[in-house]
N, C-alpha and C. Protein backbone atom coordinates (compact mmCIF):
# COMPACT_ATOMS: atom_id res chain seq x y z
N UNK A 1 -71.32 -86.18 91.20
CA UNK A 1 -69.06 -86.18 91.49
C UNK A 1 -69.01 -87.88 92.65
N UNK A 2 -68.07 -88.27 91.95
CA UNK A 2 -67.87 -89.30 92.16
C UNK A 2 -66.27 -89.04 92.98
N UNK A 3 -66.72 -89.27 94.34
CA UNK A 3 -65.92 -88.96 95.81
C UNK A 3 -65.33 -89.89 96.37
N UNK A 4 -63.87 -90.03 96.62
CA UNK A 4 -63.02 -91.32 97.57
C UNK A 4 -62.56 -90.30 98.72
N UNK A 5 -62.18 -91.32 99.54
CA UNK A 5 -61.10 -90.79 100.27
C UNK A 5 -60.32 -92.15 100.45
N UNK A 6 -59.08 -91.50 100.67
CA UNK A 6 -57.79 -92.44 100.42
C UNK A 6 -57.00 -92.47 101.52
N UNK A 7 -56.18 -93.38 102.10
CA UNK A 7 -54.97 -93.64 103.21
C UNK A 7 -54.45 -92.10 102.71
N UNK A 8 -54.02 -91.94 101.16
CA UNK A 8 -53.18 -90.49 101.28
C UNK A 8 -54.00 -89.18 100.53
N UNK A 9 -54.68 -89.32 100.58
CA UNK A 9 -55.70 -88.02 100.68
C UNK A 9 -56.90 -87.98 99.87
N UNK A 10 -57.30 -87.03 99.57
CA UNK A 10 -58.81 -87.29 98.77
C UNK A 10 -58.69 -87.45 97.40
N UNK A 11 -59.62 -88.07 96.85
CA UNK A 11 -60.28 -88.25 95.28
C UNK A 11 -61.21 -87.35 94.50
N UNK A 12 -61.82 -87.31 93.53
CA UNK A 12 -63.41 -86.63 93.47
C UNK A 12 -62.49 -86.81 91.68
N UNK A 13 -64.17 -86.83 91.48
CA UNK A 13 -64.04 -87.66 90.31
C UNK A 13 -64.59 -86.34 89.53
N UNK A 14 -64.62 -85.74 88.59
CA UNK A 14 -65.98 -84.66 88.03
C UNK A 14 -66.66 -84.36 86.63
N UNK A 15 -65.96 -85.59 86.10
CA UNK A 15 -65.62 -85.55 85.04
C UNK A 15 -65.61 -86.97 84.66
N UNK A 16 -66.10 -87.45 84.05
CA UNK A 16 -66.08 -89.14 83.11
C UNK A 16 -67.42 -89.56 82.10
N UNK A 17 -66.71 -89.40 80.90
CA UNK A 17 -67.77 -89.43 79.65
C UNK A 17 -67.21 -89.95 78.45
N UNK A 18 -67.38 -90.99 77.12
CA UNK A 18 -66.96 -91.68 75.99
C UNK A 18 -65.70 -91.41 76.06
N UNK A 19 -65.29 -89.68 75.53
CA UNK A 19 -64.04 -89.29 75.35
C UNK A 19 -63.21 -88.77 75.74
N UNK A 20 -63.76 -88.26 77.73
CA UNK A 20 -62.69 -87.49 78.20
C UNK A 20 -63.09 -88.00 80.27
N UNK A 21 -62.43 -87.52 81.16
CA UNK A 21 -62.73 -87.47 82.46
C UNK A 21 -61.45 -86.36 82.77
N UNK A 22 -62.19 -86.11 83.86
CA UNK A 22 -61.32 -84.62 84.68
C UNK A 22 -62.10 -85.17 86.64
N UNK A 23 -60.96 -85.09 87.05
CA UNK A 23 -60.39 -85.48 88.85
C UNK A 23 -59.67 -84.88 88.46
N UNK A 24 -59.89 -84.02 90.55
CA UNK A 24 -59.54 -83.42 91.05
C UNK A 24 -58.16 -84.17 92.31
N UNK A 25 -56.99 -84.42 92.78
CA UNK A 25 -56.77 -85.14 93.93
C UNK A 25 -56.27 -84.28 94.96
N UNK A 26 -56.83 -84.21 96.62
CA UNK A 26 -55.48 -83.96 97.13
C UNK A 26 -55.19 -84.91 97.65
N UNK A 27 -53.98 -84.36 98.01
CA UNK A 27 -52.55 -85.03 98.59
C UNK A 27 -52.03 -84.60 100.05
N UNK A 28 -51.84 -85.74 100.99
CA UNK A 28 -51.31 -84.60 102.10
C UNK A 28 -50.30 -84.47 101.88
N UNK A 29 -49.83 -83.83 102.36
CA UNK A 29 -48.10 -83.73 103.17
C UNK A 29 -47.44 -85.13 103.33
N UNK A 30 -46.64 -85.36 102.81
CA UNK A 30 -45.57 -86.37 102.88
C UNK A 30 -46.24 -87.79 102.97
N UNK A 31 -47.61 -88.17 102.30
CA UNK A 31 -47.72 -88.85 101.20
C UNK A 31 -47.63 -89.33 99.70
N UNK A 32 -47.94 -90.36 99.49
CA UNK A 32 -48.08 -90.25 97.94
C UNK A 32 -48.98 -91.64 97.41
N UNK A 33 -49.51 -91.50 96.64
CA UNK A 33 -50.33 -92.70 95.91
C UNK A 33 -49.71 -93.70 95.12
N UNK A 34 -50.89 -94.74 95.14
CA UNK A 34 -49.76 -95.19 94.53
C UNK A 34 -48.91 -95.52 93.08
N UNK A 35 -47.70 -95.80 93.09
CA UNK A 35 -46.74 -96.28 91.78
C UNK A 35 -47.94 -97.33 91.11
N UNK A 36 -47.36 -97.07 89.50
CA UNK A 36 -48.19 -98.43 88.87
C UNK A 36 -47.96 -97.28 88.12
N UNK A 37 -49.50 -97.77 86.95
CA UNK A 37 -49.14 -97.47 85.92
C UNK A 37 -50.55 -97.75 85.16
N UNK A 38 -51.39 -97.16 84.16
CA UNK A 38 -52.32 -97.04 83.13
C UNK A 38 -52.15 -97.58 81.97
N UNK A 39 -52.95 -99.32 81.41
CA UNK A 39 -52.27 -99.77 80.58
C UNK A 39 -52.70 -99.41 79.91
N UNK A 40 -54.06 -97.73 79.10
CA UNK A 40 -54.30 -97.34 77.93
C UNK A 40 -54.60 -96.27 78.10
N UNK A 41 -54.70 -95.09 79.84
CA UNK A 41 -55.34 -94.42 79.73
C UNK A 41 -54.43 -93.51 79.41
N UNK A 42 -54.51 -92.53 79.03
CA UNK A 42 -53.97 -91.11 78.66
C UNK A 42 -54.36 -89.88 79.65
N UNK A 43 -52.70 -89.31 80.51
CA UNK A 43 -53.74 -88.40 81.34
C UNK A 43 -52.72 -87.27 81.11
N UNK A 44 -52.59 -85.74 81.03
CA UNK A 44 -52.62 -85.00 82.26
C UNK A 44 -52.96 -84.80 83.34
N UNK A 45 -51.46 -83.57 84.18
CA UNK A 45 -51.64 -83.63 85.13
C UNK A 45 -51.89 -81.91 85.18
N UNK A 46 -51.60 -81.33 86.60
CA UNK A 46 -51.86 -79.57 86.28
C UNK A 46 -51.87 -79.86 87.91
N UNK A 47 -50.56 -79.18 88.48
CA UNK A 47 -50.32 -79.14 89.81
C UNK A 47 -51.05 -77.15 90.69
N UNK A 48 -52.42 -77.50 91.24
CA UNK A 48 -52.91 -76.16 91.54
C UNK A 48 -52.85 -75.88 92.94
N UNK A 49 -52.57 -76.35 93.72
CA UNK A 49 -51.74 -75.98 95.27
C UNK A 49 -50.53 -76.53 95.43
N UNK A 50 -49.82 -76.26 95.93
CA UNK A 50 -48.41 -77.27 96.88
C UNK A 50 -47.30 -77.67 95.92
N UNK A 51 -46.86 -78.58 97.12
CA UNK A 51 -44.87 -78.81 95.32
C UNK A 51 -45.29 -80.34 95.79
N UNK A 52 -44.78 -81.23 94.37
CA UNK A 52 -45.33 -82.62 94.41
C UNK A 52 -44.22 -83.19 93.60
N UNK A 53 -43.41 -84.35 94.05
CA UNK A 53 -42.31 -84.68 93.37
C UNK A 53 -43.43 -85.89 92.33
N UNK A 54 -43.36 -85.40 91.17
CA UNK A 54 -43.08 -86.87 90.21
C UNK A 54 -42.66 -88.05 90.22
N UNK A 55 -42.88 -89.26 90.51
CA UNK A 55 -41.62 -89.95 90.43
C UNK A 55 -42.53 -90.69 89.07
N UNK A 56 -41.26 -91.06 88.07
CA UNK A 56 -41.08 -91.62 86.48
C UNK A 56 -40.64 -93.20 87.03
N UNK A 57 -41.42 -94.14 86.95
CA UNK A 57 -39.91 -95.67 86.75
C UNK A 57 -38.74 -95.05 86.96
N UNK A 58 -37.43 -94.81 87.20
CA UNK A 58 -36.82 -94.78 87.61
C UNK A 58 -36.10 -92.80 87.65
N UNK A 59 -37.09 -92.05 87.71
CA UNK A 59 -36.19 -90.97 87.99
C UNK A 59 -37.24 -89.94 88.42
N UNK A 60 -36.31 -89.13 89.25
CA UNK A 60 -37.92 -87.74 90.36
C UNK A 60 -37.78 -86.71 89.64
N UNK A 61 -39.78 -85.47 88.99
CA UNK A 61 -39.00 -84.26 88.11
C UNK A 61 -40.15 -83.31 89.47
N UNK A 62 -39.82 -82.37 90.14
CA UNK A 62 -40.31 -81.63 90.96
C UNK A 62 -41.00 -81.21 90.29
N UNK A 63 -43.18 -81.17 90.47
CA UNK A 63 -43.37 -79.80 89.85
C UNK A 63 -43.64 -78.82 91.05
N UNK A 64 -44.15 -77.42 90.79
CA UNK A 64 -44.39 -76.32 90.94
C UNK A 64 -45.75 -76.04 91.33
N UNK A 65 -46.35 -75.41 91.55
CA UNK A 65 -47.83 -75.18 91.72
C UNK A 65 -48.11 -74.33 89.90
N UNK A 66 -49.15 -74.79 89.35
CA UNK A 66 -48.89 -74.45 87.76
C UNK A 66 -47.92 -74.66 86.90
N UNK A 67 -46.91 -76.32 87.51
CA UNK A 67 -46.49 -76.62 86.99
C UNK A 67 -47.43 -77.78 85.99
N UNK A 68 -47.33 -78.41 84.79
CA UNK A 68 -48.36 -79.41 84.17
C UNK A 68 -47.32 -80.80 83.77
N UNK A 69 -47.72 -81.83 83.23
CA UNK A 69 -47.16 -83.02 83.07
C UNK A 69 -48.17 -83.89 82.40
N UNK A 70 -47.62 -84.40 81.18
CA UNK A 70 -48.45 -85.53 80.32
C UNK A 70 -48.00 -86.68 80.84
N UNK A 71 -48.87 -87.92 81.13
CA UNK A 71 -48.31 -88.73 80.95
C UNK A 71 -48.94 -89.42 80.18
N UNK A 72 -48.31 -90.17 79.11
CA UNK A 72 -48.27 -91.68 78.07
C UNK A 72 -48.94 -92.81 78.68
N UNK A 73 -49.97 -93.20 78.80
CA UNK A 73 -50.33 -94.49 79.01
C UNK A 73 -48.77 -95.62 78.96
N UNK A 74 -48.86 -96.75 79.62
CA UNK A 74 -47.94 -97.67 80.64
C UNK A 74 -46.56 -96.95 80.99
N UNK A 75 -46.79 -95.92 81.47
CA UNK A 75 -45.11 -95.49 82.63
C UNK A 75 -45.52 -95.04 84.04
N UNK A 76 -45.03 -95.59 84.12
CA UNK A 76 -45.31 -95.66 85.84
C UNK A 76 -44.79 -94.62 86.62
N UNK A 77 -45.62 -94.27 87.12
CA UNK A 77 -46.18 -92.92 88.09
C UNK A 77 -46.47 -93.20 89.47
N UNK A 78 -45.97 -91.42 90.17
CA UNK A 78 -46.52 -92.41 91.36
C UNK A 78 -46.32 -90.71 91.77
N UNK A 79 -46.92 -90.30 92.39
CA UNK A 79 -47.38 -88.32 92.90
C UNK A 79 -47.14 -88.20 94.97
N UNK A 80 -46.30 -88.25 95.05
CA UNK A 80 -45.70 -87.60 96.63
C UNK A 80 -45.99 -85.46 96.70
N UNK A 81 -46.45 -85.53 97.45
CA UNK A 81 -46.98 -84.31 98.12
C UNK A 81 -45.85 -83.97 99.26
N UNK A 82 -44.87 -83.10 98.89
CA UNK A 82 -43.29 -83.17 99.27
C UNK A 82 -43.30 -81.57 100.09
N UNK A 83 -44.26 -80.43 99.70
CA UNK A 83 -44.40 -79.46 100.50
C UNK A 83 -45.61 -78.76 100.84
N UNK A 84 -45.79 -78.84 101.65
CA UNK A 84 -47.74 -78.66 101.88
C UNK A 84 -49.11 -79.19 101.10
N UNK A 85 -50.07 -80.22 101.56
CA UNK A 85 -50.83 -80.53 100.85
C UNK A 85 -51.41 -80.07 99.56
N UNK A 86 -50.75 -81.34 98.88
CA UNK A 86 -51.44 -80.55 96.88
C UNK A 86 -52.72 -80.47 96.68
N UNK A 87 -53.40 -80.05 95.93
CA UNK A 87 -53.76 -80.30 95.27
C UNK A 87 -53.76 -80.53 93.27
N UNK A 88 -54.19 -81.91 92.73
CA UNK A 88 -53.68 -81.50 91.14
C UNK A 88 -54.64 -81.74 90.36
N UNK A 89 -54.96 -81.50 89.71
CA UNK A 89 -56.59 -81.33 88.55
C UNK A 89 -55.63 -82.04 87.46
N UNK A 90 -56.73 -83.69 87.28
CA UNK A 90 -55.73 -84.48 85.95
C UNK A 90 -57.52 -84.18 84.90
N UNK A 91 -56.73 -84.76 83.71
CA UNK A 91 -57.72 -84.64 82.76
C UNK A 91 -56.99 -86.28 82.03
N UNK A 92 -58.05 -86.74 81.28
CA UNK A 92 -57.28 -87.17 80.75
C UNK A 92 -58.94 -88.38 79.79
N UNK A 93 -58.21 -89.47 78.94
CA UNK A 93 -59.31 -90.29 78.64
C UNK A 93 -60.62 -90.65 79.53
N UNK A 94 -61.73 -91.44 78.77
CA UNK A 94 -62.07 -91.98 79.65
C UNK A 94 -61.34 -92.69 81.30
N UNK A 95 -61.51 -92.70 82.22
CA UNK A 95 -61.06 -93.31 83.23
C UNK A 95 -62.10 -95.16 83.29
N UNK A 96 -60.87 -95.48 83.22
CA UNK A 96 -61.08 -97.05 83.59
C UNK A 96 -60.52 -97.52 84.61
N UNK A 97 -60.81 -98.92 84.43
CA UNK A 97 -59.95 -99.51 85.76
C UNK A 97 -58.56 -100.78 85.59
N UNK A 98 -58.18 -100.33 84.46
CA UNK A 98 -56.63 -100.53 84.43
C UNK A 98 -55.56 -100.17 84.77
N UNK A 99 -55.51 -99.48 86.33
CA UNK A 99 -54.82 -98.59 87.13
C UNK A 99 -53.67 -100.23 87.11
N UNK A 100 -52.60 -100.32 86.97
CA UNK A 100 -51.78 -101.21 87.51
C UNK A 100 -51.45 -100.71 88.71
N UNK A 101 -51.04 -101.59 90.37
CA UNK A 101 -50.51 -100.79 90.76
C UNK A 101 -48.88 -102.16 91.22
N UNK A 102 -47.71 -101.07 90.85
CA UNK A 102 -46.69 -101.75 91.32
C UNK A 102 -45.64 -101.63 91.99
N UNK A 103 -45.37 -102.83 93.51
CA UNK A 103 -44.87 -102.53 94.88
C UNK A 103 -43.16 -101.82 93.79
N UNK A 104 -42.88 -100.96 94.96
CA UNK A 104 -41.54 -100.22 94.44
C UNK A 104 -40.61 -100.81 95.43
C-alpha cells in the first residue's frame, strides 16, 4: 500500500494493476485537493464519511455520505471537505502520472 501525506490530508493507494486502481483519500475539514484533471484516467468516487463539494469546471455539486460520482478523463475537478473530515474511496483505471494541476 502506498501512503502519502499531503497539505490537505492523506492519500492511500491500495490497488494499482494494469487494469484498475483503488485509493482512499482523507481530506481535512476546510481543505481541498488540487484543481485539475487527468488526461486519460477514468474514476468514480464514493463518499464514505463527511460532506464534500465536488467542484467541476464551472459548477459545484455537494456530495453526502454514500453519494457516488463518475469523473471522465479531461474533466477538471476538485474535492473540498465542507463538514467534518471527508473519507473518499476512489476506483478507476490504472493510476498514471497524467494529472494536470490547473490554477483556479
